[in-house]
N, C-alpha and C. Protein backbone atom coordinates (compact mmCIF):
# COMPACT_ATOMS: atom_id res chain seq x y z
N MET A 1 28.17 -22.66 37.67
CA MET A 1 28.16 -21.62 37.06
C MET A 1 26.87 -20.76 37.05
N PRO A 2 26.69 -19.75 37.56
CA PRO A 2 25.72 -19.20 37.43
C PRO A 2 24.76 -19.08 36.08
N LYS A 3 23.52 -18.87 36.77
CA LYS A 3 22.14 -19.64 35.28
C LYS A 3 22.37 -18.06 34.49
N LYS A 4 22.42 -18.33 33.14
CA LYS A 4 22.35 -17.19 32.23
C LYS A 4 21.32 -16.68 32.47
N ILE A 5 20.91 -15.49 32.08
CA ILE A 5 19.68 -14.92 31.90
C ILE A 5 19.04 -14.01 30.80
N ASP A 6 18.12 -14.13 30.14
CA ASP A 6 18.20 -13.32 28.59
C ASP A 6 17.10 -12.67 29.15
N HIS A 7 17.99 -11.12 29.51
CA HIS A 7 17.33 -10.09 29.96
C HIS A 7 16.13 -9.24 28.82
N ASP A 8 16.44 -9.54 28.01
CA ASP A 8 15.46 -9.30 26.82
C ASP A 8 14.33 -9.63 26.62
N ALA A 9 14.17 -11.52 26.76
CA ALA A 9 13.36 -12.19 26.97
C ALA A 9 12.46 -11.89 28.22
N ARG A 10 13.20 -11.79 29.42
CA ARG A 10 12.64 -11.06 30.65
C ARG A 10 11.32 -10.26 30.60
N ARG A 11 12.41 -8.94 29.89
CA ARG A 11 11.73 -7.55 29.52
C ARG A 11 9.89 -7.98 28.87
N ARG A 12 10.40 -8.78 27.80
CA ARG A 12 8.99 -9.23 26.82
C ARG A 12 8.04 -10.00 27.91
N ASP A 13 8.87 -10.93 28.86
CA ASP A 13 7.57 -11.51 29.84
C ASP A 13 6.83 -10.66 30.57
N ILE A 14 7.71 -9.75 31.14
CA ILE A 14 7.15 -9.00 31.95
C ILE A 14 6.34 -7.83 31.07
N ALA A 15 6.55 -7.40 29.92
CA ALA A 15 5.20 -7.17 29.18
C ALA A 15 4.07 -7.29 28.76
N ARG A 16 4.47 -8.68 28.53
CA ARG A 16 3.40 -9.94 28.26
C ARG A 16 2.33 -9.89 29.54
N ALA A 17 2.79 -10.02 30.42
CA ALA A 17 2.19 -9.89 31.85
C ALA A 17 1.50 -8.62 32.05
N ALA A 18 1.91 -7.49 31.43
CA ALA A 18 1.14 -6.31 32.13
C ALA A 18 0.13 -6.43 30.81
N ILE A 19 0.35 -6.54 29.79
CA ILE A 19 -0.92 -6.76 28.83
C ILE A 19 -2.06 -7.68 29.22
N SER A 20 -1.70 -8.43 29.91
CA SER A 20 -2.96 -9.61 30.50
C SER A 20 -3.34 -8.94 31.64
N VAL A 21 -2.72 -8.11 32.53
CA VAL A 21 -3.64 -7.53 33.81
C VAL A 21 -4.16 -6.42 33.36
N ILE A 22 -3.73 -5.63 32.38
CA ILE A 22 -4.46 -4.33 31.62
C ILE A 22 -5.63 -4.82 31.24
N GLY A 23 -5.63 -5.69 30.21
CA GLY A 23 -6.46 -6.25 29.94
C GLY A 23 -7.74 -6.88 30.33
N GLU A 24 -7.37 -7.40 31.61
CA GLU A 24 -8.67 -7.75 32.38
C GLU A 24 -8.94 -6.78 33.15
N GLN A 25 -8.30 -6.04 34.00
CA GLN A 25 -8.48 -4.79 35.10
C GLN A 25 -8.69 -3.39 34.88
N GLY A 26 -7.62 -3.05 33.59
CA GLY A 26 -7.88 -1.65 32.98
C GLY A 26 -6.62 -1.22 33.56
N ILE A 27 -6.15 0.10 32.72
CA ILE A 27 -4.62 0.51 33.19
C ILE A 27 -4.84 0.98 34.45
N ASP A 28 -5.85 1.77 35.04
CA ASP A 28 -5.80 2.53 36.25
C ASP A 28 -5.66 1.60 37.40
N ASN A 29 -6.28 0.20 37.10
CA ASN A 29 -6.49 -0.95 38.29
C ASN A 29 -4.95 -1.66 38.49
N THR A 30 -3.82 -1.50 37.32
CA THR A 30 -3.32 -2.04 37.14
C THR A 30 -2.16 -1.87 38.26
N ARG A 31 -1.64 -2.38 38.99
CA ARG A 31 -0.42 -2.49 40.03
C ARG A 31 0.64 -3.37 39.87
N LEU A 32 2.32 -2.85 39.89
CA LEU A 32 3.06 -3.51 39.84
C LEU A 32 2.69 -4.79 40.76
N VAL A 33 2.36 -4.99 41.73
CA VAL A 33 2.11 -6.62 42.36
C VAL A 33 1.68 -7.43 41.39
N ASP A 34 0.25 -6.75 41.12
CA ASP A 34 -0.20 -7.76 39.71
C ASP A 34 0.33 -8.20 38.84
N VAL A 35 1.21 -7.03 38.09
CA VAL A 35 1.92 -7.73 37.08
C VAL A 35 3.46 -8.50 37.48
N ALA A 36 3.68 -8.27 38.82
CA ALA A 36 4.52 -9.62 39.18
C ALA A 36 3.99 -10.76 39.59
N ARG A 37 3.03 -10.78 39.73
CA ARG A 37 2.01 -12.13 39.91
C ARG A 37 1.91 -12.72 38.73
N ALA A 38 1.69 -12.02 37.52
CA ALA A 38 1.38 -12.84 36.43
C ALA A 38 2.71 -12.99 35.92
N ALA A 39 3.62 -12.40 36.25
CA ALA A 39 5.09 -12.32 35.39
C ALA A 39 5.53 -13.75 36.23
N HIS A 40 5.29 -14.24 37.25
CA HIS A 40 5.91 -15.35 38.23
C HIS A 40 6.88 -14.67 38.63
N ALA A 41 6.89 -13.32 39.20
CA ALA A 41 8.53 -12.53 39.39
C ALA A 41 7.90 -11.64 40.96
N THR A 42 8.78 -11.49 41.22
CA THR A 42 8.66 -10.23 42.68
C THR A 42 8.57 -8.83 42.06
N THR A 43 8.00 -8.08 42.76
CA THR A 43 7.94 -6.61 42.25
C THR A 43 9.30 -5.80 42.43
N GLY A 44 10.16 -6.50 42.73
CA GLY A 44 12.04 -6.32 43.14
C GLY A 44 12.38 -6.40 41.60
N THR A 45 11.87 -7.67 40.98
CA THR A 45 12.62 -7.92 39.75
C THR A 45 11.69 -7.49 38.67
N ILE A 46 10.39 -6.85 38.63
CA ILE A 46 10.25 -5.95 37.70
C ILE A 46 10.84 -4.40 37.80
N THR A 47 11.10 -3.88 38.79
CA THR A 47 11.75 -2.72 39.15
C THR A 47 13.43 -2.40 38.98
N HIS A 48 13.67 -4.17 38.60
CA HIS A 48 15.09 -3.96 37.99
C HIS A 48 15.20 -3.72 36.53
N TYR A 49 14.32 -4.36 35.89
CA TYR A 49 14.16 -4.04 34.51
C TYR A 49 13.28 -2.81 33.86
N PHE A 50 12.40 -2.37 34.71
CA PHE A 50 11.68 -0.93 34.31
C PHE A 50 11.65 -0.03 35.56
N GLU A 51 11.90 1.24 35.12
CA GLU A 51 12.03 2.24 35.94
C GLU A 51 10.92 2.26 37.31
N ASP A 52 9.61 2.32 36.45
CA ASP A 52 8.46 2.47 37.43
C ASP A 52 7.37 1.98 36.42
N LYS A 53 6.09 2.10 36.89
CA LYS A 53 5.17 1.58 36.70
C LYS A 53 4.83 2.19 35.26
N ASP A 54 4.86 3.34 35.02
CA ASP A 54 4.66 3.66 33.40
C ASP A 54 5.40 3.33 32.42
N ALA A 55 6.48 2.89 32.98
CA ALA A 55 7.72 2.34 32.06
C ALA A 55 7.16 0.61 31.41
N VAL A 56 6.39 0.04 32.72
CA VAL A 56 6.03 -1.31 32.40
C VAL A 56 4.86 -1.17 31.46
N LEU A 57 4.10 -0.25 31.58
CA LEU A 57 2.68 -0.30 31.05
C LEU A 57 3.21 0.50 29.48
N LEU A 58 4.24 1.57 29.31
CA LEU A 58 4.72 1.79 28.20
C LEU A 58 5.01 0.44 27.34
N ALA A 59 5.81 -0.19 27.90
CA ALA A 59 6.03 -2.00 27.58
C ALA A 59 5.10 -2.41 26.77
N ALA A 60 4.15 -2.64 28.04
CA ALA A 60 3.08 -3.44 27.19
C ALA A 60 2.35 -3.24 25.90
N LEU A 61 2.25 -1.38 26.10
CA LEU A 61 1.81 -0.47 24.74
C LEU A 61 2.46 -1.05 23.53
N ASP A 62 4.04 -0.63 23.59
CA ASP A 62 5.07 -1.18 22.49
C ASP A 62 4.53 -2.72 22.20
N HIS A 63 4.57 -3.44 23.02
CA HIS A 63 4.24 -4.91 22.73
C HIS A 63 3.11 -5.42 21.69
N VAL A 64 1.74 -4.50 22.07
CA VAL A 64 1.01 -4.55 21.39
C VAL A 64 1.22 -4.15 20.07
N ALA A 65 1.63 -3.09 19.79
CA ALA A 65 2.00 -2.08 18.48
C ALA A 65 2.60 -3.09 17.82
N GLN A 66 3.83 -3.50 18.06
CA GLN A 66 5.16 -4.46 17.43
C GLN A 66 3.99 -5.48 17.01
N ASN A 67 3.40 -6.33 17.56
CA ASN A 67 2.72 -7.19 17.08
C ASN A 67 1.72 -6.91 15.79
N ILE A 68 0.94 -5.55 15.77
CA ILE A 68 0.22 -5.38 15.02
C ILE A 68 1.48 -4.64 13.59
N LEU A 69 2.49 -4.10 14.31
CA LEU A 69 3.45 -4.02 12.73
C LEU A 69 3.89 -5.27 12.28
N HIS A 70 4.21 -6.27 12.97
CA HIS A 70 4.58 -7.55 12.59
C HIS A 70 3.85 -8.08 11.74
N MET A 71 2.27 -7.93 12.15
CA MET A 71 1.43 -8.89 11.21
C MET A 71 1.32 -7.95 9.35
N LEU A 72 1.91 -6.67 9.72
CA LEU A 72 1.78 -5.83 8.42
C LEU A 72 2.62 -6.11 7.62
N GLN A 73 3.64 -6.56 8.36
CA GLN A 73 5.37 -6.87 7.51
C GLN A 73 5.08 -8.03 7.03
N HIS A 74 4.63 -9.49 8.08
CA HIS A 74 4.81 -10.89 8.04
C HIS A 74 3.44 -11.38 7.52
N GLY A 75 2.48 -10.47 7.37
CA GLY A 75 1.07 -11.38 7.13
C GLY A 75 1.09 -12.49 6.15
N ASP A 76 0.43 -13.23 6.19
CA ASP A 76 0.36 -14.63 6.00
C ASP A 76 -1.10 -14.89 4.82
N GLN A 77 -1.86 -13.82 4.58
CA GLN A 77 -3.05 -13.68 3.77
C GLN A 77 -2.44 -13.56 2.25
N GLY A 78 -1.49 -13.95 2.20
CA GLY A 78 -1.29 -13.59 0.30
C GLY A 78 -1.24 -12.02 0.09
N ASP A 79 -2.05 -11.86 -1.24
CA ASP A 79 -2.30 -10.24 -1.73
C ASP A 79 -3.20 -9.24 -0.93
N ASP A 80 -4.05 -10.03 -0.46
CA ASP A 80 -5.21 -9.30 -0.13
C ASP A 80 -5.56 -8.57 1.37
N LEU A 81 -5.44 -7.07 1.02
CA LEU A 81 -5.30 -6.18 2.07
C LEU A 81 -6.36 -6.11 3.13
N VAL A 82 -7.76 -6.85 2.96
CA VAL A 82 -8.83 -7.17 3.80
C VAL A 82 -8.24 -8.08 4.59
N ASP A 83 -8.08 -9.22 4.29
CA ASP A 83 -7.71 -10.30 4.71
C ASP A 83 -6.44 -9.86 5.74
N LEU A 84 -5.60 -9.29 5.28
CA LEU A 84 -4.50 -8.84 6.20
C LEU A 84 -4.69 -8.26 7.14
N ALA A 85 -5.88 -7.16 6.97
CA ALA A 85 -6.47 -5.93 8.26
C ALA A 85 -7.08 -7.05 8.93
N ALA A 86 -7.83 -7.85 8.73
CA ALA A 86 -8.61 -9.02 9.72
C ALA A 86 -7.78 -9.90 10.36
N LEU A 87 -6.45 -9.48 10.47
CA LEU A 87 -5.54 -10.23 11.33
C LEU A 87 -5.77 -9.58 12.73
N ILE A 88 -6.06 -8.22 12.70
CA ILE A 88 -5.99 -7.30 13.61
C ILE A 88 -7.28 -7.45 14.48
N LEU A 89 -8.34 -7.73 14.15
CA LEU A 89 -9.97 -7.59 14.29
C LEU A 89 -9.88 -8.87 16.18
N PRO A 90 -10.59 -8.06 16.79
CA PRO A 90 -10.52 -8.74 18.16
C PRO A 90 -11.51 -9.54 18.24
N VAL A 91 -11.37 -10.72 17.36
CA VAL A 91 -12.08 -12.11 17.16
C VAL A 91 -11.66 -13.45 18.25
N ASP A 92 -10.49 -13.18 18.85
CA ASP A 92 -10.37 -14.34 20.14
C ASP A 92 -9.96 -13.26 21.27
N GLU A 93 -9.59 -14.51 22.17
CA GLU A 93 -9.32 -13.47 23.43
C GLU A 93 -8.13 -13.04 23.49
N GLU A 94 -7.24 -13.40 22.75
CA GLU A 94 -6.06 -12.66 22.61
C GLU A 94 -5.82 -11.32 22.08
N ARG A 95 -6.66 -11.23 20.94
CA ARG A 95 -6.71 -10.28 20.01
C ARG A 95 -7.37 -9.07 20.88
N LEU A 96 -8.94 -9.50 21.56
CA LEU A 96 -9.48 -8.65 22.29
C LEU A 96 -8.96 -8.09 23.33
N ARG A 97 -7.60 -8.81 23.76
CA ARG A 97 -7.09 -8.47 25.36
C ARG A 97 -6.05 -6.98 24.58
N ASP A 98 -5.82 -7.24 23.65
CA ASP A 98 -4.63 -6.35 22.68
C ASP A 98 -5.56 -5.06 22.58
N TRP A 99 -6.55 -5.27 22.30
CA TRP A 99 -7.50 -3.93 21.68
C TRP A 99 -7.88 -3.44 23.11
N ARG A 100 -7.85 -3.98 24.33
CA ARG A 100 -8.57 -3.47 25.88
C ARG A 100 -7.19 -2.67 26.15
N VAL A 101 -6.09 -3.33 25.75
CA VAL A 101 -5.01 -2.73 26.13
C VAL A 101 -5.08 -1.16 25.41
N TRP A 102 -4.80 -1.62 23.91
CA TRP A 102 -4.65 -0.16 23.08
C TRP A 102 -5.80 0.91 23.70
N LEU A 103 -7.01 0.54 24.10
CA LEU A 103 -7.93 1.46 24.04
C LEU A 103 -7.77 2.21 25.92
N SER A 104 -7.21 1.45 26.21
CA SER A 104 -6.64 1.96 28.05
C SER A 104 -5.56 3.31 27.64
N PHE A 105 -5.05 2.95 26.60
CA PHE A 105 -3.95 3.87 26.57
C PHE A 105 -4.19 5.29 26.02
N PHE A 106 -5.57 4.85 25.01
CA PHE A 106 -6.07 6.49 24.24
C PHE A 106 -6.42 7.11 25.28
N SER A 107 -7.10 6.94 26.73
CA SER A 107 -7.98 7.82 27.72
C SER A 107 -6.43 8.69 28.22
N ARG A 108 -5.37 7.76 28.14
CA ARG A 108 -4.51 8.54 28.90
C ARG A 108 -3.73 9.49 28.29
N ALA A 109 -3.93 9.15 26.72
CA ALA A 109 -2.89 9.70 25.70
C ALA A 109 -3.60 11.72 25.75
N ILE A 110 -5.26 11.48 25.97
CA ILE A 110 -5.67 12.49 25.89
C ILE A 110 -5.04 13.80 26.87
N GLY A 111 -4.62 13.21 28.16
CA GLY A 111 -4.16 14.20 28.70
C GLY A 111 -2.65 14.41 29.18
N ASP A 112 -1.95 13.41 28.18
CA ASP A 112 -0.48 13.45 28.45
C ASP A 112 0.02 13.60 27.03
N PRO A 113 0.89 14.55 26.76
CA PRO A 113 1.56 14.81 25.58
C PRO A 113 2.49 13.85 25.11
N ALA A 114 3.48 13.53 26.22
CA ALA A 114 4.34 12.41 25.96
C ALA A 114 3.93 11.19 25.34
N LEU A 115 2.47 11.00 26.13
CA LEU A 115 1.89 9.56 25.51
C LEU A 115 1.23 9.99 24.33
N ALA A 116 0.85 10.70 23.95
CA ALA A 116 -0.04 11.29 22.69
C ALA A 116 1.05 11.24 21.53
N ARG A 117 2.49 11.67 21.89
CA ARG A 117 3.30 11.57 20.70
C ARG A 117 3.70 10.20 20.57
N ILE A 118 3.88 9.39 21.54
CA ILE A 118 4.11 7.84 21.43
C ILE A 118 2.99 7.45 20.42
N ASN A 119 1.68 7.44 20.63
CA ASN A 119 0.62 6.88 20.11
C ASN A 119 0.65 7.53 18.30
N LYS A 120 1.31 8.74 18.36
CA LYS A 120 1.07 9.15 17.09
C LYS A 120 1.95 8.79 16.10
N ALA A 121 3.22 8.35 16.82
CA ALA A 121 4.45 7.70 16.34
C ALA A 121 3.75 6.09 15.66
N TYR A 122 3.05 5.47 16.99
CA TYR A 122 2.70 4.33 16.10
C TYR A 122 1.90 4.10 15.44
N TYR A 123 0.82 4.99 15.10
CA TYR A 123 -0.41 5.51 13.91
C TYR A 123 0.34 5.73 12.54
N ASP A 124 1.55 6.41 12.77
CA ASP A 124 2.46 7.18 11.38
C ASP A 124 3.26 5.18 10.88
N GLU A 125 3.45 4.67 11.69
CA GLU A 125 4.26 3.66 11.40
C GLU A 125 2.91 2.67 10.77
N PHE A 126 1.90 2.56 11.55
CA PHE A 126 0.99 1.84 10.88
C PHE A 126 0.48 2.26 9.42
N ARG A 127 0.64 3.69 9.73
CA ARG A 127 -0.17 4.17 7.87
C ARG A 127 1.14 3.36 6.93
N ASP A 128 2.33 4.09 7.27
CA ASP A 128 3.33 3.90 6.39
C ASP A 128 3.78 2.50 6.07
N GLY A 129 3.22 1.61 7.26
CA GLY A 129 3.23 -0.10 6.54
C GLY A 129 2.12 -0.48 5.73
N LEU A 130 0.83 -0.11 5.68
CA LEU A 130 0.15 -0.18 5.20
C LEU A 130 -0.04 0.53 3.68
N ALA A 131 0.47 1.88 3.77
CA ALA A 131 0.70 2.26 2.03
C ALA A 131 2.16 1.57 1.20
N ALA A 132 2.77 1.47 2.00
CA ALA A 132 3.86 0.41 1.36
C ALA A 132 3.28 -0.92 1.04
N ILE A 133 2.19 -1.19 1.14
CA ILE A 133 2.00 -2.39 0.95
C ILE A 133 0.91 -2.12 -0.33
N ILE A 134 0.21 -0.96 0.09
CA ILE A 134 -0.77 -0.61 -1.57
C ILE A 134 0.43 -0.20 -2.25
N ARG A 135 1.80 0.25 -2.14
CA ARG A 135 2.46 0.66 -3.47
C ARG A 135 2.80 -0.12 -3.98
N LYS A 136 3.11 -1.40 -3.19
CA LYS A 136 3.77 -2.48 -3.90
C LYS A 136 2.84 -3.01 -5.02
N GLN A 137 1.47 -3.28 -4.15
CA GLN A 137 0.44 -4.20 -5.17
C GLN A 137 0.28 -3.04 -6.38
N GLN A 138 0.19 -1.83 -5.98
CA GLN A 138 0.22 -1.01 -7.80
C GLN A 138 1.31 -1.12 -8.55
N ALA A 139 2.30 -1.28 -8.12
CA ALA A 139 3.67 -1.76 -8.81
C ALA A 139 3.50 -2.99 -9.55
N GLU A 140 2.52 -4.11 -8.69
CA GLU A 140 2.19 -5.39 -9.21
C GLU A 140 0.80 -5.35 -10.20
N ARG A 141 0.53 -4.30 -10.40
CA ARG A 141 -0.55 -4.42 -11.04
C ARG A 141 -1.95 -4.92 -10.53
N LYS A 142 -1.78 -5.45 -9.26
CA LYS A 142 -2.85 -5.56 -8.43
C LYS A 142 -3.92 -4.99 -7.77
N LEU A 143 -3.57 -3.21 -7.83
CA LEU A 143 -4.40 -2.43 -7.32
C LEU A 143 -4.64 -1.26 -8.29
N ALA A 144 -5.88 -0.75 -8.20
CA ALA A 144 -5.99 0.30 -8.93
C ALA A 144 -5.08 1.73 -8.80
N ALA A 145 -4.48 2.12 -9.82
CA ALA A 145 -3.47 3.33 -9.63
C ALA A 145 -4.13 4.46 -9.33
N SER A 146 -5.39 4.68 -9.22
CA SER A 146 -5.66 5.55 -8.83
C SER A 146 -6.11 5.64 -6.93
N ILE A 147 -5.61 4.87 -6.42
CA ILE A 147 -5.55 4.61 -4.99
C ILE A 147 -4.58 5.59 -4.44
N GLU A 148 -4.77 6.71 -3.56
CA GLU A 148 -3.48 7.62 -3.06
C GLU A 148 -3.16 6.63 -1.79
N PRO A 149 -2.16 6.11 -1.96
CA PRO A 149 -1.47 5.00 -0.89
C PRO A 149 -1.98 5.72 0.81
N ASP A 150 -1.26 6.98 1.09
CA ASP A 150 -1.20 7.36 2.30
C ASP A 150 -2.67 7.93 2.96
N MET A 151 -3.77 8.48 1.92
CA MET A 151 -5.09 8.51 2.33
C MET A 151 -5.71 7.51 2.34
N THR A 152 -5.48 6.51 1.79
CA THR A 152 -6.35 4.96 1.68
C THR A 152 -5.43 4.35 3.19
N ALA A 153 -4.54 4.33 3.27
CA ALA A 153 -3.86 3.62 4.56
C ALA A 153 -4.75 4.49 5.76
N ASP A 154 -4.71 5.43 6.00
CA ASP A 154 -5.11 6.44 7.05
C ASP A 154 -6.77 5.89 7.06
N ALA A 155 -7.60 5.81 6.13
CA ALA A 155 -8.66 5.42 6.13
C ALA A 155 -9.16 3.98 6.30
N ILE A 156 -8.01 3.43 6.03
CA ILE A 156 -8.11 1.67 6.68
C ILE A 156 -8.02 1.54 8.05
N ILE A 157 -7.18 2.53 8.44
CA ILE A 157 -6.77 2.25 9.92
C ILE A 157 -8.42 3.17 10.93
N SER A 158 -8.57 4.26 10.29
CA SER A 158 -9.72 4.80 10.77
C SER A 158 -10.83 3.77 11.09
N VAL A 159 -11.38 3.16 9.90
CA VAL A 159 -12.13 2.10 9.68
C VAL A 159 -11.90 1.05 10.93
N ILE A 160 -10.82 0.41 10.92
CA ILE A 160 -10.44 -0.54 11.53
C ILE A 160 -10.82 -0.54 13.03
N ASP A 161 -10.02 1.05 13.63
CA ASP A 161 -10.21 1.51 15.03
C ASP A 161 -11.75 1.86 15.44
N GLY A 162 -12.46 2.34 14.50
CA GLY A 162 -14.03 2.92 14.68
C GLY A 162 -14.96 1.88 15.08
N PHE A 163 -14.97 0.38 14.24
CA PHE A 163 -15.83 -0.62 14.89
C PHE A 163 -15.09 -1.84 15.74
N CYS A 164 -13.77 -1.73 15.54
CA CYS A 164 -12.94 -2.39 16.48
C CYS A 164 -13.40 -1.85 17.99
N ILE A 165 -13.50 -0.41 18.17
CA ILE A 165 -13.77 -0.03 19.38
C ILE A 165 -15.13 -0.50 19.90
N ARG A 166 -16.13 -0.44 19.03
CA ARG A 166 -17.29 -0.87 19.28
C ARG A 166 -17.53 -2.72 19.36
N ALA A 167 -16.34 -3.33 18.73
CA ALA A 167 -16.56 -5.06 19.19
C ALA A 167 -15.74 -5.20 19.99
N THR A 168 -15.27 -4.37 20.78
CA THR A 168 -14.43 -5.03 21.84
C THR A 168 -15.11 -4.39 23.29
N LEU A 169 -15.80 -2.94 23.12
CA LEU A 169 -17.12 -2.71 23.91
C LEU A 169 -18.45 -3.49 24.04
N GLU A 170 -18.38 -4.07 22.54
CA GLU A 170 -20.15 -4.76 22.89
C GLU A 170 -19.55 -6.29 22.46
N ARG A 171 -18.97 -6.51 23.19
CA ARG A 171 -18.79 -8.19 22.52
C ARG A 171 -19.66 -8.84 22.20
N ASP A 172 -20.87 -8.91 22.82
CA ASP A 172 -21.84 -10.09 22.73
C ASP A 172 -22.83 -9.58 20.98
N ASP A 173 -22.60 -8.17 20.90
CA ASP A 173 -23.39 -7.68 19.54
C ASP A 173 -22.46 -7.65 18.23
N TRP A 174 -21.11 -8.20 18.74
CA TRP A 174 -20.05 -8.06 17.62
C TRP A 174 -19.22 -9.63 17.11
N PRO A 175 -19.84 -10.65 17.11
CA PRO A 175 -19.09 -11.80 16.99
C PRO A 175 -18.25 -11.61 16.07
N PRO A 176 -17.16 -12.90 15.55
CA PRO A 176 -16.03 -12.97 15.21
C PRO A 176 -16.66 -12.84 13.34
N GLU A 177 -17.68 -13.43 13.05
CA GLU A 177 -18.37 -13.32 11.73
C GLU A 177 -19.04 -12.32 11.69
N ARG A 178 -19.69 -11.11 12.11
CA ARG A 178 -20.11 -9.91 11.98
C ARG A 178 -18.81 -9.11 11.62
N GLN A 179 -17.73 -9.18 13.00
CA GLN A 179 -16.88 -8.37 12.72
C GLN A 179 -15.94 -8.27 11.08
N LYS A 180 -15.71 -9.80 10.56
CA LYS A 180 -14.98 -9.79 9.19
C LYS A 180 -16.03 -9.75 8.26
N LYS A 181 -17.32 -9.37 8.26
CA LYS A 181 -18.65 -9.01 7.22
C LYS A 181 -18.22 -7.32 7.59
N GLN A 182 -18.28 -7.12 8.28
CA GLN A 182 -18.26 -5.37 8.14
C GLN A 182 -17.01 -4.97 7.73
N LEU A 183 -15.87 -5.66 8.19
CA LEU A 183 -14.67 -5.20 7.84
C LEU A 183 -14.44 -4.99 6.22
N GLU A 184 -15.27 -6.41 5.67
CA GLU A 184 -15.16 -6.45 4.34
C GLU A 184 -16.15 -5.20 3.31
N ALA A 185 -16.89 -5.19 4.18
CA ALA A 185 -17.97 -4.06 3.70
C ALA A 185 -17.48 -2.92 3.45
N MET A 186 -16.66 -2.02 4.88
CA MET A 186 -16.28 -1.16 4.82
C MET A 186 -14.70 -0.85 3.79
N LEU A 187 -13.91 -1.90 3.90
CA LEU A 187 -12.54 -1.70 3.49
C LEU A 187 -12.84 -2.09 1.77
N ARG A 188 -13.05 -2.86 1.37
CA ARG A 188 -13.48 -3.22 0.02
C ARG A 188 -13.70 -1.98 -1.07
N PRO A 189 -14.37 -1.67 -0.76
CA PRO A 189 -14.81 -0.21 -1.77
C PRO A 189 -13.68 0.76 -1.87
N LEU A 190 -12.60 0.83 -0.80
CA LEU A 190 -11.59 1.38 -0.56
C LEU A 190 -10.29 1.30 -1.75
N LEU A 191 -10.51 -0.34 -1.96
CA LEU A 191 -9.52 -1.11 -2.77
C LEU A 191 -9.75 -1.50 -3.72
N PRO A 192 -10.17 -0.80 -5.26
CA PRO A 192 -10.45 -1.61 -6.08
C PRO A 192 -9.48 -2.21 -6.93
N ARG A 193 -9.63 -3.33 -7.62
CA ARG A 193 -8.47 -4.03 -8.05
C ARG A 193 -8.19 -3.18 -9.54
N ARG A 194 -6.99 -3.76 -9.86
CA ARG A 194 -6.88 -2.74 -11.39
C ARG A 194 -7.83 -3.69 -12.26
N ARG A 195 -8.26 -3.05 -13.18
CA ARG A 195 -9.41 -3.92 -14.00
C ARG A 195 -8.25 -4.12 -15.08
N LYS A 196 -8.57 -5.56 -15.79
CA LYS A 196 -7.48 -6.06 -16.68
C LYS A 196 -8.01 -5.63 -18.07
N PRO A 197 -7.01 -5.25 -18.97
CA PRO A 197 -6.83 -4.59 -20.34
C PRO A 197 -7.94 -5.34 -20.84
C-alpha cells in the first residue's frame, strides 16, 4: 500500500523550515534550495506544495502570526495581560527567530502593497484578540471600566513592537530579564485594575 502523506503537516514542516532559514539568513538571502535542505526535502517537493518562493515566504509569515494568535487565545498565564504579552518577547532562540522573520517582512511590506495588506490584516487580528481579552476582563470586573479596549490593544501592540525590535537587533543589550522589566514598566500603566468598592 502506498504511504499516506499528511499534506497539511508537510506544508507546516516546510513553513517551519523557511522560518529557520529566514531567521538565520534574512529574507533576501533565503533560497528555495536552503528551505528544501532545512525541510529534508527536494526543491521539487517544495514546489509541489507551494507555487513559488513568495508563497513559501508567506507561509512562514503566516506560521509566525498564527503562533502569536494562538498565544493570545490560549495563553496559560491566567488573567494577567502583561504576563500574556510576555509570551511574545524574543527571550529565547525560537521567539528571537520568529521576530527576525517578522522584521524581515516589515521591510518588504513597505514596497509591496499586497504584503502591506496582509500585514495589516494580521495586526487587526492581534488588536481584536487583545481587545476581546480586555472586554472580558472588564466584564469580570478585573480591569478598570475606563480602559478603551481597541485603543489600548493598539497601544500594547505598539509597545511590544517598539522594544522587541530593539531586543531583536540589540540582543546583548536586551537580556530576557530586561525585556520583562521593560514590558512591565510600559504596559502596567495602560491596564489599571478595577478598584474594589
